[in-house]
N, C-alpha and C. Protein backbone atom coordinates (compact mmCIF):
# COMPACT_ATOMS: atom_id res chain seq x y z
N MET A 1 -11.54 8.65 -30.57
CA MET A 1 -10.76 7.46 -30.75
C MET A 1 -10.87 6.60 -29.49
N LEU A 2 -10.86 5.31 -29.68
CA LEU A 2 -11.03 4.37 -28.57
C LEU A 2 -9.94 4.53 -27.51
N THR A 3 -8.72 4.75 -27.92
CA THR A 3 -7.63 4.89 -26.94
C THR A 3 -7.81 6.09 -26.02
N ASP A 4 -8.56 7.08 -26.46
CA ASP A 4 -8.82 8.25 -25.61
C ASP A 4 -9.75 7.91 -24.45
N LEU A 5 -10.51 6.83 -24.59
CA LEU A 5 -11.45 6.43 -23.55
C LEU A 5 -10.80 5.56 -22.48
N ILE A 6 -9.61 5.05 -22.75
CA ILE A 6 -8.91 4.20 -21.79
C ILE A 6 -8.23 5.08 -20.75
N LYS A 7 -8.60 4.87 -19.52
CA LYS A 7 -8.02 5.65 -18.44
C LYS A 7 -6.77 4.94 -17.93
N ASP A 8 -5.72 5.71 -17.69
CA ASP A 8 -4.51 5.16 -17.11
C ASP A 8 -4.64 5.25 -15.60
N ASN A 9 -4.84 4.11 -14.97
CA ASN A 9 -5.02 4.08 -13.51
C ASN A 9 -3.72 3.85 -12.77
N LYS A 10 -2.61 4.05 -13.42
CA LYS A 10 -1.32 3.83 -12.78
C LYS A 10 -1.15 4.82 -11.63
N VAL A 11 -1.03 4.28 -10.45
CA VAL A 11 -0.90 5.09 -9.25
C VAL A 11 0.57 5.26 -8.89
N MET A 12 1.41 4.32 -9.31
CA MET A 12 2.80 4.29 -8.87
C MET A 12 3.74 4.34 -10.07
N ASP A 13 4.61 5.33 -10.07
CA ASP A 13 5.69 5.34 -11.06
C ASP A 13 7.00 5.05 -10.33
N ASP A 14 8.09 4.91 -11.07
CA ASP A 14 9.36 4.54 -10.44
C ASP A 14 9.83 5.57 -9.42
N GLU A 15 9.64 6.83 -9.72
CA GLU A 15 10.08 7.87 -8.79
C GLU A 15 9.30 7.81 -7.48
N LEU A 16 7.98 7.66 -7.59
CA LEU A 16 7.16 7.56 -6.38
C LEU A 16 7.52 6.30 -5.59
N LEU A 17 7.74 5.21 -6.28
CA LEU A 17 8.14 3.97 -5.63
C LEU A 17 9.44 4.17 -4.86
N ASN A 18 10.41 4.79 -5.47
CA ASN A 18 11.69 5.06 -4.79
C ASN A 18 11.51 5.99 -3.60
N ASN A 19 10.64 6.98 -3.75
CA ASN A 19 10.38 7.90 -2.63
C ASN A 19 9.76 7.16 -1.45
N TRP A 20 8.75 6.31 -1.73
CA TRP A 20 8.15 5.53 -0.64
C TRP A 20 9.20 4.65 0.01
N ASN A 21 10.04 4.00 -0.80
CA ASN A 21 11.07 3.12 -0.24
C ASN A 21 12.02 3.87 0.69
N SER A 22 12.23 5.14 0.43
CA SER A 22 13.15 5.92 1.25
C SER A 22 12.59 6.24 2.65
N VAL A 23 11.30 6.08 2.85
CA VAL A 23 10.71 6.41 4.16
C VAL A 23 10.05 5.21 4.85
N ILE A 24 10.22 4.02 4.31
CA ILE A 24 9.57 2.84 4.90
C ILE A 24 9.99 2.63 6.35
N GLU A 25 11.26 2.76 6.64
CA GLU A 25 11.74 2.56 8.02
C GLU A 25 11.10 3.58 8.97
N THR A 26 10.99 4.83 8.53
CA THR A 26 10.37 5.87 9.35
C THR A 26 8.89 5.58 9.55
N LEU A 27 8.20 5.18 8.49
CA LEU A 27 6.79 4.82 8.62
C LEU A 27 6.62 3.68 9.61
N TYR A 28 7.50 2.69 9.53
CA TYR A 28 7.42 1.52 10.40
C TYR A 28 7.69 1.87 11.86
N THR A 29 8.67 2.71 12.09
CA THR A 29 9.05 3.00 13.48
C THR A 29 8.25 4.12 14.13
N LYS A 30 7.69 5.03 13.33
CA LYS A 30 7.05 6.22 13.92
C LYS A 30 5.57 6.43 13.59
N HIS A 31 5.05 5.74 12.59
CA HIS A 31 3.71 6.11 12.13
C HIS A 31 2.69 4.98 12.07
N ILE A 32 3.00 3.84 12.67
CA ILE A 32 1.99 2.78 12.75
C ILE A 32 1.06 3.12 13.90
N ILE A 33 -0.23 3.18 13.59
CA ILE A 33 -1.18 3.60 14.62
C ILE A 33 -2.03 2.46 15.19
N LYS A 34 -2.10 1.35 14.45
CA LYS A 34 -2.90 0.22 14.95
C LYS A 34 -2.58 -1.03 14.15
N THR A 35 -3.12 -2.12 14.63
CA THR A 35 -3.04 -3.39 13.93
C THR A 35 -4.46 -3.82 13.62
N THR A 36 -4.67 -4.28 12.41
CA THR A 36 -5.99 -4.77 12.04
C THR A 36 -5.87 -6.24 11.67
N LYS A 37 -6.90 -7.01 12.01
CA LYS A 37 -6.90 -8.44 11.74
C LYS A 37 -7.99 -8.77 10.71
N VAL A 38 -7.69 -9.76 9.89
CA VAL A 38 -8.67 -10.25 8.92
C VAL A 38 -8.93 -11.72 9.20
N GLU A 39 -10.05 -12.20 8.73
CA GLU A 39 -10.41 -13.61 8.89
C GLU A 39 -9.53 -14.46 7.97
N GLY A 40 -9.32 -15.70 8.38
CA GLY A 40 -8.48 -16.62 7.61
C GLY A 40 -8.96 -16.83 6.19
N ASN A 41 -10.30 -16.88 6.00
CA ASN A 41 -10.81 -17.09 4.64
C ASN A 41 -10.51 -15.89 3.74
N LEU A 42 -10.44 -14.68 4.30
CA LEU A 42 -10.11 -13.50 3.52
C LEU A 42 -8.63 -13.52 3.14
N GLY A 43 -7.79 -13.93 4.05
CA GLY A 43 -6.37 -14.08 3.74
C GLY A 43 -6.17 -15.09 2.62
N HIS A 44 -6.87 -16.21 2.71
CA HIS A 44 -6.77 -17.24 1.69
C HIS A 44 -7.27 -16.74 0.33
N LYS A 45 -8.37 -16.01 0.35
CA LYS A 45 -8.94 -15.46 -0.89
C LYS A 45 -7.94 -14.58 -1.63
N TYR A 46 -7.15 -13.83 -0.88
CA TYR A 46 -6.22 -12.87 -1.49
C TYR A 46 -4.78 -13.37 -1.52
N ARG A 47 -4.59 -14.67 -1.41
CA ARG A 47 -3.25 -15.24 -1.52
C ARG A 47 -2.63 -14.80 -2.86
N GLY A 48 -1.45 -14.19 -2.80
CA GLY A 48 -0.79 -13.70 -4.01
C GLY A 48 -1.27 -12.33 -4.45
N ASP A 49 -2.14 -11.69 -3.65
CA ASP A 49 -2.68 -10.38 -4.03
C ASP A 49 -2.92 -9.52 -2.79
N LEU A 50 -1.85 -9.15 -2.13
CA LEU A 50 -1.98 -8.31 -0.95
C LEU A 50 -2.58 -6.95 -1.30
N TYR A 51 -2.28 -6.46 -2.49
CA TYR A 51 -2.88 -5.20 -2.96
C TYR A 51 -4.41 -5.31 -2.92
N GLY A 52 -4.93 -6.41 -3.43
CA GLY A 52 -6.39 -6.63 -3.44
C GLY A 52 -6.96 -6.70 -2.03
N LEU A 53 -6.25 -7.35 -1.13
CA LEU A 53 -6.70 -7.43 0.26
C LEU A 53 -6.77 -6.05 0.87
N PHE A 54 -5.74 -5.24 0.65
CA PHE A 54 -5.73 -3.89 1.20
C PHE A 54 -6.80 -3.01 0.56
N GLN A 55 -7.12 -3.26 -0.70
CA GLN A 55 -8.25 -2.55 -1.32
C GLN A 55 -9.55 -2.92 -0.60
N GLU A 56 -9.71 -4.20 -0.33
CA GLU A 56 -10.91 -4.66 0.38
C GLU A 56 -11.00 -4.03 1.77
N LEU A 57 -9.87 -3.71 2.37
CA LEU A 57 -9.85 -3.05 3.68
C LEU A 57 -10.01 -1.53 3.55
N ASP A 58 -10.32 -1.07 2.34
CA ASP A 58 -10.59 0.34 2.04
C ASP A 58 -9.39 1.26 2.22
N LEU A 59 -8.19 0.74 2.00
CA LEU A 59 -7.02 1.62 1.98
C LEU A 59 -6.99 2.34 0.64
N PRO A 60 -6.73 3.63 0.63
CA PRO A 60 -6.62 4.35 -0.64
C PRO A 60 -5.49 3.77 -1.49
N ALA A 61 -5.72 3.66 -2.79
CA ALA A 61 -4.76 3.03 -3.70
C ALA A 61 -3.37 3.64 -3.59
N GLU A 62 -3.28 4.95 -3.41
CA GLU A 62 -1.97 5.60 -3.37
C GLU A 62 -1.19 5.28 -2.10
N TYR A 63 -1.85 4.66 -1.10
CA TYR A 63 -1.18 4.32 0.15
C TYR A 63 -0.98 2.82 0.34
N ILE A 64 -1.35 2.03 -0.63
CA ILE A 64 -1.24 0.57 -0.48
C ILE A 64 0.21 0.11 -0.51
N TYR A 65 1.01 0.65 -1.41
CA TYR A 65 2.41 0.20 -1.48
C TYR A 65 3.15 0.38 -0.16
N PRO A 66 3.08 1.54 0.49
CA PRO A 66 3.78 1.63 1.78
C PRO A 66 3.25 0.64 2.82
N HIS A 67 1.96 0.32 2.75
CA HIS A 67 1.41 -0.68 3.68
C HIS A 67 1.98 -2.07 3.36
N ILE A 68 2.12 -2.38 2.09
CA ILE A 68 2.72 -3.66 1.72
C ILE A 68 4.12 -3.76 2.31
N ARG A 69 4.91 -2.72 2.14
CA ARG A 69 6.29 -2.72 2.62
C ARG A 69 6.38 -2.75 4.14
N VAL A 70 5.59 -1.95 4.81
CA VAL A 70 5.63 -1.88 6.28
C VAL A 70 5.23 -3.23 6.89
N ASN A 71 4.42 -3.98 6.18
CA ASN A 71 4.00 -5.28 6.68
C ASN A 71 4.94 -6.42 6.28
N GLY A 72 6.12 -6.05 5.76
CA GLY A 72 7.16 -7.05 5.54
C GLY A 72 7.24 -7.68 4.18
N TYR A 73 6.52 -7.14 3.21
CA TYR A 73 6.53 -7.71 1.87
C TYR A 73 7.22 -6.77 0.89
N SER A 74 7.85 -7.35 -0.12
CA SER A 74 8.48 -6.56 -1.18
C SER A 74 7.47 -6.18 -2.25
N ASN A 75 6.50 -7.07 -2.46
CA ASN A 75 5.46 -6.80 -3.45
C ASN A 75 4.20 -7.59 -3.09
N SER A 76 3.14 -7.25 -3.75
CA SER A 76 1.84 -7.82 -3.45
C SER A 76 1.78 -9.33 -3.66
N SER A 77 2.46 -9.82 -4.68
CA SER A 77 2.35 -11.24 -5.01
C SER A 77 3.09 -12.15 -4.02
N ASP A 78 3.91 -11.59 -3.14
CA ASP A 78 4.60 -12.39 -2.13
C ASP A 78 3.66 -12.88 -1.02
N TYR A 79 2.49 -12.30 -0.92
CA TYR A 79 1.57 -12.64 0.16
C TYR A 79 1.04 -14.06 -0.01
N ASP A 80 1.25 -14.90 1.02
CA ASP A 80 0.82 -16.31 0.92
C ASP A 80 -0.50 -16.60 1.62
N GLY A 81 -1.14 -15.58 2.17
CA GLY A 81 -2.44 -15.76 2.80
C GLY A 81 -2.40 -16.15 4.26
N THR A 82 -1.22 -16.36 4.82
CA THR A 82 -1.16 -16.82 6.21
C THR A 82 -1.09 -15.67 7.22
N GLN A 83 -0.53 -14.55 6.85
CA GLN A 83 -0.49 -13.40 7.77
C GLN A 83 -1.89 -12.80 7.81
N LEU A 84 -2.44 -12.68 9.00
CA LEU A 84 -3.80 -12.18 9.15
C LEU A 84 -3.87 -10.91 9.97
N SER A 85 -2.75 -10.45 10.48
CA SER A 85 -2.66 -9.25 11.29
C SER A 85 -1.75 -8.26 10.57
N PHE A 86 -2.24 -7.03 10.37
CA PHE A 86 -1.51 -6.06 9.57
C PHE A 86 -1.39 -4.72 10.29
N SER A 87 -0.20 -4.13 10.15
CA SER A 87 0.04 -2.79 10.69
C SER A 87 -0.61 -1.76 9.77
N VAL A 88 -1.23 -0.76 10.38
CA VAL A 88 -1.88 0.32 9.64
C VAL A 88 -1.13 1.62 9.94
N ILE A 89 -0.79 2.33 8.87
CA ILE A 89 -0.02 3.57 8.98
C ILE A 89 -0.97 4.75 9.11
N ASP A 90 -0.57 5.73 9.89
CA ASP A 90 -1.33 6.96 10.09
C ASP A 90 -1.59 7.66 8.76
N ASP A 91 -2.87 7.92 8.47
CA ASP A 91 -3.26 8.59 7.21
C ASP A 91 -2.62 9.96 7.06
N ALA A 92 -2.53 10.70 8.15
CA ALA A 92 -1.96 12.06 8.07
C ALA A 92 -0.51 12.01 7.62
N ALA A 93 0.26 11.07 8.15
CA ALA A 93 1.66 10.93 7.74
C ALA A 93 1.75 10.54 6.27
N LEU A 94 0.91 9.59 5.86
CA LEU A 94 0.91 9.17 4.46
C LEU A 94 0.54 10.32 3.53
N ARG A 95 -0.46 11.08 3.92
CA ARG A 95 -0.88 12.24 3.13
C ARG A 95 0.25 13.24 2.96
N ASN A 96 0.94 13.53 4.06
CA ASN A 96 2.06 14.49 4.01
C ASN A 96 3.17 14.01 3.09
N TYR A 97 3.55 12.76 3.24
CA TYR A 97 4.59 12.22 2.36
C TYR A 97 4.13 12.21 0.90
N TYR A 98 2.90 11.79 0.68
CA TYR A 98 2.39 11.71 -0.70
C TYR A 98 2.38 13.10 -1.35
N LYS A 99 1.94 14.10 -0.61
CA LYS A 99 1.96 15.47 -1.15
C LYS A 99 3.37 15.91 -1.48
N MET A 100 4.30 15.61 -0.59
CA MET A 100 5.69 15.97 -0.81
C MET A 100 6.26 15.24 -2.04
N PHE A 101 5.92 13.97 -2.18
CA PHE A 101 6.45 13.16 -3.28
C PHE A 101 5.85 13.53 -4.64
N THR A 102 4.62 14.01 -4.64
CA THR A 102 3.94 14.27 -5.92
C THR A 102 3.85 15.74 -6.28
N ARG A 103 4.43 16.59 -5.46
CA ARG A 103 4.44 18.02 -5.74
C ARG A 103 5.20 18.28 -7.03
N LYS A 104 4.63 19.07 -7.88
CA LYS A 104 5.29 19.42 -9.15
C LYS A 104 6.52 20.26 -8.88
N LYS A 105 7.57 19.95 -9.60
CA LYS A 105 8.83 20.67 -9.42
C LYS A 105 8.91 21.86 -10.33
């Protein structure tokens, strides 16, 4: 059946979203390891799509939402293309939280 061929690429459910929201302050204060800058034309290209910009920067999909939040946005569409410097969160910390959040109960 055709519907069996459609892959569900949903990376974020409500529970995972709430879990990430619960640690945003900790990620911001303890786990930012660097700042990365993008060119102005790249910021303009991804105006309204911070998720897409972070994909272009090769951030794993499961870690994009915490990066959006740590960089001061509530969601991807809030990005107006003017911010060109972004905080990057330590992969090891993100991995640990993600494992904890997605562990089967």
